[in-house]
PDB file of N, CA and C in Angstrom:
ATOM      1  N   MET A   1    -109.341 -74.692-124.306  1.00  0.00           N
ATOM      2  CA  MET A   1    -110.488 -75.577-124.270  1.00  0.00           C
ATOM      3  C   MET A   1    -111.593 -75.092-125.200  1.00  0.00           C
ATOM      4  N   ARG A   2    -111.282 -74.400-126.228  1.00  0.00           N
ATOM      5  CA  ARG A   2    -112.291 -73.901-127.145  1.00  0.00           C
ATOM      6  C   ARG A   2    -112.873 -75.003-128.025  1.00  0.00           C
ATOM      7  N   ASP A   3    -112.188 -76.118-128.149  1.00  0.00           N
ATOM      8  CA  ASP A   3    -112.662 -77.187-129.020  1.00  0.00           C
ATOM      9  C   ASP A   3    -113.699 -78.082-128.357  1.00  0.00           C
ATOM     10  N   VAL A   4    -113.968 -77.871-127.098  1.00  0.00           N
ATOM     11  CA  VAL A   4    -114.938 -78.686-126.384  1.00  0.00           C
ATOM     12  C   VAL A   4    -116.334 -78.196-126.729  1.00  0.00           C
ATOM     13  N   GLN A   5    -117.179 -79.123-127.179  1.00  0.00           N
ATOM     14  CA  GLN A   5    -118.562 -78.787-127.498  1.00  0.00           C
ATOM     15  C   GLN A   5    -119.485 -79.685-126.693  1.00  0.00           C
ATOM     16  N   PRO A   6    -119.915 -79.208-125.521  1.00  0.00           N
ATOM     17  CA  PRO A   6    -120.782 -80.046-124.694  1.00  0.00           C
ATOM     18  C   PRO A   6    -122.157 -80.191-125.319  1.00  0.00           C
ATOM     19  N   GLN A   7    -122.783 -81.287-125.004  1.00  0.00           N
ATOM     20  CA  GLN A   7    -124.177 -81.492-125.392  1.00  0.00           C
ATOM     21  C   GLN A   7    -124.976 -81.505-124.100  1.00  0.00           C
ATOM     22  N   VAL A   8    -125.937 -80.624-123.985  1.00  0.00           N
ATOM     23  CA  VAL A   8    -126.685 -80.439-122.754  1.00  0.00           C
ATOM     24  C   VAL A   8    -128.082 -81.025-122.909  1.00  0.00           C
ATOM     25  N   ILE A   9    -128.503 -81.771-121.894  1.00  0.00           N
ATOM     26  CA  ILE A   9    -129.871 -82.296-121.846  1.00  0.00           C
ATOM     27  C   ILE A   9    -130.532 -81.688-120.624  1.00  0.00           C
ATOM     28  N   ILE A  10    -131.633 -80.995-120.850  1.00  0.00           N
ATOM     29  CA  ILE A  10    -132.397 -80.401-119.759  1.00  0.00           C
ATOM     30  C   ILE A  10    -133.650 -81.241-119.564  1.00  0.00           C
ATOM     31  N   VAL A  11    -133.847 -81.707-118.335  1.00  0.00           N
ATOM     32  CA  VAL A  11    -135.045 -82.480-118.004  1.00  0.00           C
ATOM     33  C   VAL A  11    -135.934 -81.591-117.152  1.00  0.00           C
ATOM     34  N   ARG A  12    -137.071 -81.217-117.709  1.00  0.00           N
ATOM     35  CA  ARG A  12    -138.037 -80.402-116.972  1.00  0.00           C
ATOM     36  C   ARG A  12    -138.905 -81.330-116.136  1.00  0.00           C
ATOM     37  N   ILE A  13    -138.985 -81.028-114.858  1.00  0.00           N
ATOM     38  CA  ILE A  13    -139.767 -81.859-113.947  1.00  0.00           C
ATOM     39  C   ILE A  13    -140.819 -80.982-113.293  1.00  0.00           C
ATOM     40  N   GLY A  14    -142.070 -81.391-113.437  1.00  0.00           N
ATOM     41  CA  GLY A  14    -143.164 -80.656-112.819  1.00  0.00           C
ATOM     42  C   GLY A  14    -143.344 -79.273-113.407  1.00  0.00           C
ATOM     43  N   ARG A  15    -143.569 -78.312-112.549  1.00  0.00           N
ATOM     44  CA  ARG A  15    -143.878 -76.963-113.003  1.00  0.00           C
ATOM     45  C   ARG A  15    -142.641 -76.091-113.169  1.00  0.00           C
ATOM     46  N   TYR A  16    -141.475 -76.633-112.880  1.00  0.00           N
ATOM     47  CA  TYR A  16    -140.261 -75.833-112.945  1.00  0.00           C
ATOM     48  C   TYR A  16    -139.835 -75.631-114.391  1.00  0.00           C
ATOM     49  N   ALA A  17    -139.660 -74.396-114.768  1.00  0.00           N
ATOM     50  CA  ALA A  17    -139.267 -74.058-116.137  1.00  0.00           C
ATOM     51  C   ALA A  17    -137.826 -73.546-116.126  1.00  0.00           C
ATOM     52  N   CYS A  18    -137.140 -73.801-117.178  1.00  0.00           N
ATOM     53  CA  CYS A  18    -135.752 -73.367-117.295  1.00  0.00           C
ATOM     54  C   CYS A  18    -135.537 -72.705-118.652  1.00  0.00           C
ATOM     55  N   ALA A  19    -136.527 -71.962-119.089  1.00  0.00           N
ATOM     56  CA  ALA A  19    -136.475 -71.343-120.413  1.00  0.00           C
ATOM     57  C   ALA A  19    -135.299 -70.388-120.541  1.00  0.00           C
ATOM     58  N   GLN A  20    -134.976 -69.663-119.479  1.00  0.00           N
ATOM     59  CA  GLN A  20    -133.874 -68.709-119.538  1.00  0.00           C
ATOM     60  C   GLN A  20    -132.538 -69.429-119.738  1.00  0.00           C
ATOM     61  N   VAL A  21    -132.346 -70.518-119.052  1.00  0.00           N
ATOM     62  CA  VAL A  21    -131.115 -71.298-119.217  1.00  0.00           C
ATOM     63  C   VAL A  21    -131.037 -71.878-120.623  1.00  0.00           C
ATOM     64  N   GLU A  22    -132.138 -72.421-121.088  1.00  0.00           N
ATOM     65  CA  GLU A  22    -132.185 -73.002-122.434  1.00  0.00           C
ATOM     66  C   GLU A  22    -131.893 -71.952-123.506  1.00  0.00           C
ATOM     67  N   GLN A  23    -132.489 -70.780-123.373  1.00  0.00           N
ATOM     68  CA  GLN A  23    -132.249 -69.715-124.344  1.00  0.00           C
ATOM     69  C   GLN A  23    -130.807 -69.229-124.308  1.00  0.00           C
ATOM     70  N   SER A  24    -130.234 -69.142-123.118  1.00  0.00           N
ATOM     71  CA  SER A  24    -128.829 -68.717-122.996  1.00  0.00           C
ATOM     72  C   SER A  24    -127.896 -69.712-123.674  1.00  0.00           C
ATOM     73  N   LEU A  25    -128.166 -70.986-123.505  1.00  0.00           N
ATOM     74  CA  LEU A  25    -127.343 -72.020-124.144  1.00  0.00           C
ATOM     75  C   LEU A  25    -127.478 -71.959-125.656  1.00  0.00           C
ATOM     76  N   LYS A  26    -128.691 -71.757-126.137  1.00  0.00           N
ATOM     77  CA  LYS A  26    -128.894 -71.668-127.590  1.00  0.00           C
ATOM     78  C   LYS A  26    -128.210 -70.442-128.174  1.00  0.00           C
ATOM     79  N   ARG A  27    -128.229 -69.323-127.446  1.00  0.00           N
ATOM     80  CA  ARG A  27    -127.521 -68.124-127.915  1.00  0.00           C
ATOM     81  C   ARG A  27    -126.019 -68.372-127.989  1.00  0.00           C
ATOM     82  N   ALA A  28    -125.518 -69.203-127.069  1.00  0.00           N
ATOM     83  CA  ALA A  28    -124.093 -69.550-127.063  1.00  0.00           C
ATOM     84  C   ALA A  28    -123.789 -70.676-128.050  1.00  0.00           C
ATOM     85  N   GLN A  29    -124.786 -71.113-128.814  1.00  0.00           N
ATOM     86  CA  GLN A  29    -124.684 -72.169-129.825  1.00  0.00           C
ATOM     87  C   GLN A  29    -124.240 -73.508-129.230  1.00  0.00           C
ATOM     88  N   VAL A  30    -124.748 -73.782-128.029  1.00  0.00           N
ATOM     89  CA  VAL A  30    -124.517 -75.072-127.381  1.00  0.00           C
ATOM     90  C   VAL A  30    -125.695 -75.971-127.730  1.00  0.00           C
ATOM     91  N   PRO A  31    -125.438 -77.192-128.229  1.00  0.00           N
ATOM     92  CA  PRO A  31    -126.553 -78.097-128.538  1.00  0.00           C
ATOM     93  C   PRO A  31    -127.349 -78.441-127.273  1.00  0.00           C
ATOM     94  N   VAL A  32    -128.644 -78.191-127.313  1.00  0.00           N
ATOM     95  CA  VAL A  32    -129.511 -78.418-126.156  1.00  0.00           C
ATOM     96  C   VAL A  32    -130.680 -79.292-126.564  1.00  0.00           C
ATOM     97  N   ASP A  33    -130.908 -80.350-125.808  1.00  0.00           N
ATOM     98  CA  ASP A  33    -132.106 -81.165-125.960  1.00  0.00           C
ATOM     99  C   ASP A  33    -132.923 -80.995-124.689  1.00  0.00           C
ATOM    100  N   THR A  34    -134.214 -80.731-124.841  1.00  0.00           N
ATOM    101  CA  THR A  34    -135.087 -80.525-123.690  1.00  0.00           C
ATOM    102  C   THR A  34    -136.141 -81.627-123.659  1.00  0.00           C
ATOM    103  N   PHE A  35    -136.305 -82.203-122.496  1.00  0.00           N
ATOM    104  CA  PHE A  35    -137.275 -83.280-122.303  1.00  0.00           C
ATOM    105  C   PHE A  35    -138.152 -82.910-121.116  1.00  0.00           C
ATOM    106  N   THR A  36    -139.450 -82.948-121.291  1.00  0.00           N
ATOM    107  CA  THR A  36    -140.382 -82.667-120.206  1.00  0.00           C
ATOM    108  C   THR A  36    -140.828 -83.988-119.600  1.00  0.00           C
ATOM    109  N   PHE A  37    -140.468 -84.203-118.351  1.00  0.00           N
ATOM    110  CA  PHE A  37    -140.818 -85.437-117.660  1.00  0.00           C
ATOM    111  C   PHE A  37    -142.175 -85.276-117.005  1.00  0.00           C
ATOM    112  N   THR A  38    -143.118 -86.114-117.403  1.00  0.00           N
ATOM    113  CA  THR A  38    -144.470 -86.047-116.850  1.00  0.00           C
ATOM    114  C   THR A  38    -144.853 -87.344-116.150  1.00  0.00           C
ATOM    115  N   GLY A  39    -143.895 -88.217-115.956  1.00  0.00           N
ATOM    116  CA  GLY A  39    -144.185 -89.511-115.340  1.00  0.00           C
ATOM    117  C   GLY A  39    -144.198 -89.433-113.830  1.00  0.00           C
ATOM    118  N   ASP A  40    -144.265 -90.592-113.219  1.00  0.00           N
ATOM    119  CA  ASP A  40    -144.262 -90.671-111.774  1.00  0.00           C
ATOM    120  C   ASP A  40    -142.903 -91.169-111.276  1.00  0.00           C
ATOM    121  N   TYR A  41    -142.804 -91.347-109.981  1.00  0.00           N
ATOM    122  CA  TYR A  41    -141.554 -91.765-109.351  1.00  0.00           C
ATOM    123  C   TYR A  41    -141.045 -93.091-109.915  1.00  0.00           C
ATOM    124  N   TYR A  42    -141.934 -93.990-110.257  1.00  0.00           N
ATOM    125  CA  TYR A  42    -141.529 -95.313-110.710  1.00  0.00           C
ATOM    126  C   TYR A  42    -141.025 -95.321-112.155  1.00  0.00           C
ATOM    127  N   SER A  43    -141.404 -94.333-112.940  1.00  0.00           N
ATOM    128  CA  SER A  43    -140.920 -94.267-114.323  1.00  0.00           C
ATOM    129  C   SER A  43    -139.670 -93.402-114.451  1.00  0.00           C
ATOM    130  N   LEU A  44    -139.217 -92.816-113.360  1.00  0.00           N
ATOM    131  CA  LEU A  44    -138.026 -91.974-113.370  1.00  0.00           C
ATOM    132  C   LEU A  44    -136.773 -92.718-113.847  1.00  0.00           C
ATOM    133  N   PRO A  45    -136.555 -93.999-113.498  1.00  0.00           N
ATOM    134  CA  PRO A  45    -135.367 -94.704-114.008  1.00  0.00           C
ATOM    135  C   PRO A  45    -135.327 -94.829-115.530  1.00  0.00           C
ATOM    136  N   ASN A  46    -136.467 -94.648-116.195  1.00  0.00           N
ATOM    137  CA  ASN A  46    -136.481 -94.717-117.656  1.00  0.00           C
ATOM    138  C   ASN A  46    -135.742 -93.546-118.296  1.00  0.00           C
ATOM    139  N   LEU A  47    -135.405 -92.531-117.521  1.00  0.00           N
ATOM    140  CA  LEU A  47    -134.645 -91.394-118.038  1.00  0.00           C
ATOM    141  C   LEU A  47    -133.159 -91.704-118.184  1.00  0.00           C
ATOM    142  N   VAL A  48    -132.686 -92.731-117.507  1.00  0.00           N
ATOM    143  CA  VAL A  48    -131.253 -93.042-117.534  1.00  0.00           C
ATOM    144  C   VAL A  48    -130.740 -93.274-118.958  1.00  0.00           C
ATOM    145  N   PRO A  49    -131.413 -94.068-119.802  1.00  0.00           N
ATOM    146  CA  PRO A  49    -130.905 -94.221-121.180  1.00  0.00           C
ATOM    147  C   PRO A  49    -130.854 -92.907-121.946  1.00  0.00           C
ATOM    148  N   LEU A  50    -131.792 -92.003-121.674  1.00  0.00           N
ATOM    149  CA  LEU A  50    -131.783 -90.711-122.332  1.00  0.00           C
ATOM    150  C   LEU A  50    -130.548 -89.913-121.936  1.00  0.00           C
ATOM    151  N   LEU A  51    -130.210 -89.956-120.663  1.00  0.00           N
ATOM    152  CA  LEU A  51    -129.073 -89.187-120.166  1.00  0.00           C
ATOM    153  C   LEU A  51    -127.735 -89.828-120.510  1.00  0.00           C
ATOM    154  N   CYS A  52    -127.721 -91.110-120.838  1.00  0.00           N
ATOM    155  CA  CYS A  52    -126.479 -91.821-121.152  1.00  0.00           C
ATOM    156  C   CYS A  52    -126.282 -92.042-122.643  1.00  0.00           C
ATOM    157  N   GLN A  53    -127.071 -91.385-123.449  1.00  0.00           N
ATOM    158  CA  GLN A  53    -126.970 -91.605-124.887  1.00  0.00           C
ATOM    159  C   GLN A  53    -125.614 -91.144-125.404  1.00  0.00           C
ATOM    160  N   PRO A  54    -125.125 -91.786-126.438  1.00  0.00           N
ATOM    161  CA  PRO A  54    -123.839 -91.373-127.001  1.00  0.00           C
ATOM    162  C   PRO A  54    -123.959 -90.012-127.677  1.00  0.00           C
ATOM    163  N   SER A  55    -122.821 -89.388-127.877  1.00  0.00           N
ATOM    164  CA  SER A  55    -122.828 -88.082-128.534  1.00  0.00           C
ATOM    165  C   SER A  55    -123.137 -88.266-130.016  1.00  0.00           C
ATOM    166  N   ARG A  56    -123.380 -87.179-130.685  1.00  0.00           N
ATOM    167  CA  ARG A  56    -123.658 -87.236-132.122  1.00  0.00           C
ATOM    168  C   ARG A  56    -122.432 -87.722-132.882  1.00  0.00           C
ATOM    169  N   LEU A  57    -121.254 -87.355-132.400  1.00  0.00           N
ATOM    170  CA  LEU A  57    -120.030 -87.833-133.036  1.00  0.00           C
ATOM    171  C   LEU A  57    -119.902 -89.345-132.880  1.00  0.00           C
ATOM    172  N   ASP A  58    -120.233 -89.870-131.701  1.00  0.00           N
ATOM    173  CA  ASP A  58    -120.192 -91.319-131.493  1.00  0.00           C
ATOM    174  C   ASP A  58    -121.158 -92.025-132.435  1.00  0.00           C
ATOM    175  N   LEU A  59    -122.349 -91.471-132.612  1.00  0.00           N
ATOM    176  CA  LEU A  59    -123.314 -92.075-133.525  1.00  0.00           C
ATOM    177  C   LEU A  59    -122.810 -92.033-134.961  1.00  0.00           C
ATOM    178  N   LEU A  60    -122.199 -90.922-135.354  1.00  0.00           N
ATOM    179  CA  LEU A  60    -121.644 -90.808-136.695  1.00  0.00           C
ATOM    180  C   LEU A  60    -120.534 -91.822-136.918  1.00  0.00           C
ATOM    181  N   MET A  61    -119.659 -91.970-135.934  1.00  0.00           N
ATOM    182  CA  MET A  61    -118.557 -92.932-136.064  1.00  0.00           C
ATOM    183  C   MET A  61    -119.089 -94.366-136.153  1.00  0.00           C
ATOM    184  N   GLU A  62    -120.152 -94.672-135.419  1.00  0.00           N
ATOM    185  CA  GLU A  62    -120.759 -96.003-135.494  1.00  0.00           C
ATOM    186  C   GLU A  62    -121.364 -96.246-136.875  1.00  0.00           C
ATOM    187  N   ILE A  63    -122.010 -95.236-137.415  1.00  0.00           N
ATOM    188  CA  ILE A  63    -122.589 -95.364-138.758  1.00  0.00           C
ATOM    189  C   ILE A  63    -121.497 -95.558-139.790  1.00  0.00           C
ATOM    190  N   MET A  64    -120.438 -94.784-139.701  1.00  0.00           N
ATOM    191  CA  MET A  64    -119.347 -94.872-140.671  1.00  0.00           C
ATOM    192  C   MET A  64    -118.600 -96.203-140.575  1.00  0.00           C
ATOM    193  N   ALA A  65    -118.596 -96.819-139.395  1.00  0.00           N
ATOM    194  CA  ALA A  65    -117.908 -98.099-139.208  1.00  0.00           C
ATOM    195  C   ALA A  65    -118.735 -99.278-139.704  1.00  0.00           C
ATOM    196  N   THR A  66    -119.999 -99.071-139.960  1.00  0.00           N
ATOM    197  CA  THR A  66    -120.868-100.147-140.431  1.00  0.00           C
ATOM    198  C   THR A  66    -120.591-100.406-141.918  1.00  0.00           C
ATOM    199  N   PRO A  67    -120.222-101.640-142.272  1.00  0.00           N
ATOM    200  CA  PRO A  67    -119.923-101.911-143.679  1.00  0.00           C
ATOM    201  C   PRO A  67    -121.176-101.825-144.544  1.00  0.00           C
ATOM    202  N   LEU A  68    -120.996-101.349-145.737  1.00  0.00           N
ATOM    203  CA  LEU A  68    -122.098-101.263-146.688  1.00  0.00           C
ATOM    204  C   LEU A  68    -122.369-102.648-147.270  1.00  0.00           C
ATOM    205  N   PRO A  69    -123.615-102.944-147.582  1.00  0.00           N
ATOM    206  CA  PRO A  69    -123.905-104.236-148.194  1.00  0.00           C
ATOM    207  C   PRO A  69    -123.306-104.303-149.601  1.00  0.00           C
ATOM    208  N   THR A  70    -122.878-105.490-149.960  1.00  0.00           N
ATOM    209  CA  THR A  70    -122.319-105.698-151.315  1.00  0.00           C
ATOM    210  C   THR A  70    -123.169-106.707-152.057  1.00  0.00           C
ATOM    211  N   ARG A  71    -123.101-106.640-153.365  1.00  0.00           N
ATOM    212  CA  ARG A  71    -123.842-107.611-154.166  1.00  0.00           C
ATOM    213  C   ARG A  71    -123.102-108.943-154.159  1.00  0.00           C
ATOM    214  N   GLY A  72    -123.873-109.982-154.114  1.00  0.00           N
ATOM    215  CA  GLY A  72    -123.270-111.303-154.164  1.00  0.00           C
ATOM    216  C   GLY A  72    -122.881-111.681-155.585  1.00  0.00           C
ATOM    217  N   ASN A  73    -122.157-112.745-155.734  1.00  0.00           N
ATOM    218  CA  ASN A  73    -121.790-113.226-157.071  1.00  0.00           C
ATOM    219  C   ASN A  73    -123.033-113.769-157.759  1.00  0.00           C
ATOM    220  N   TRP A  74    -123.286-113.299-158.941  1.00  0.00           N
ATOM    221  CA  TRP A  74    -124.474-113.715-159.671  1.00  0.00           C
ATOM    222  C   TRP A  74    -124.166-114.912-160.462  1.00  0.00           C
TER     223      TRP A  74
END
């Protein structure tokens, strides 16, 4: 399972810090995105799109699948 490259998203909520976990992941060369949530209970569902985002490979494949524009007949 050495070919697996997880992408980790850390959501900081309130005063809780996870700097040690974040630093350990970075030392292990695991891609880490950190988001500090400062909203209230009602804005918490807005985090779902952040947590469900496609991987970087998925984004690359979507970009590569998009046809390039061509010039029309002059």
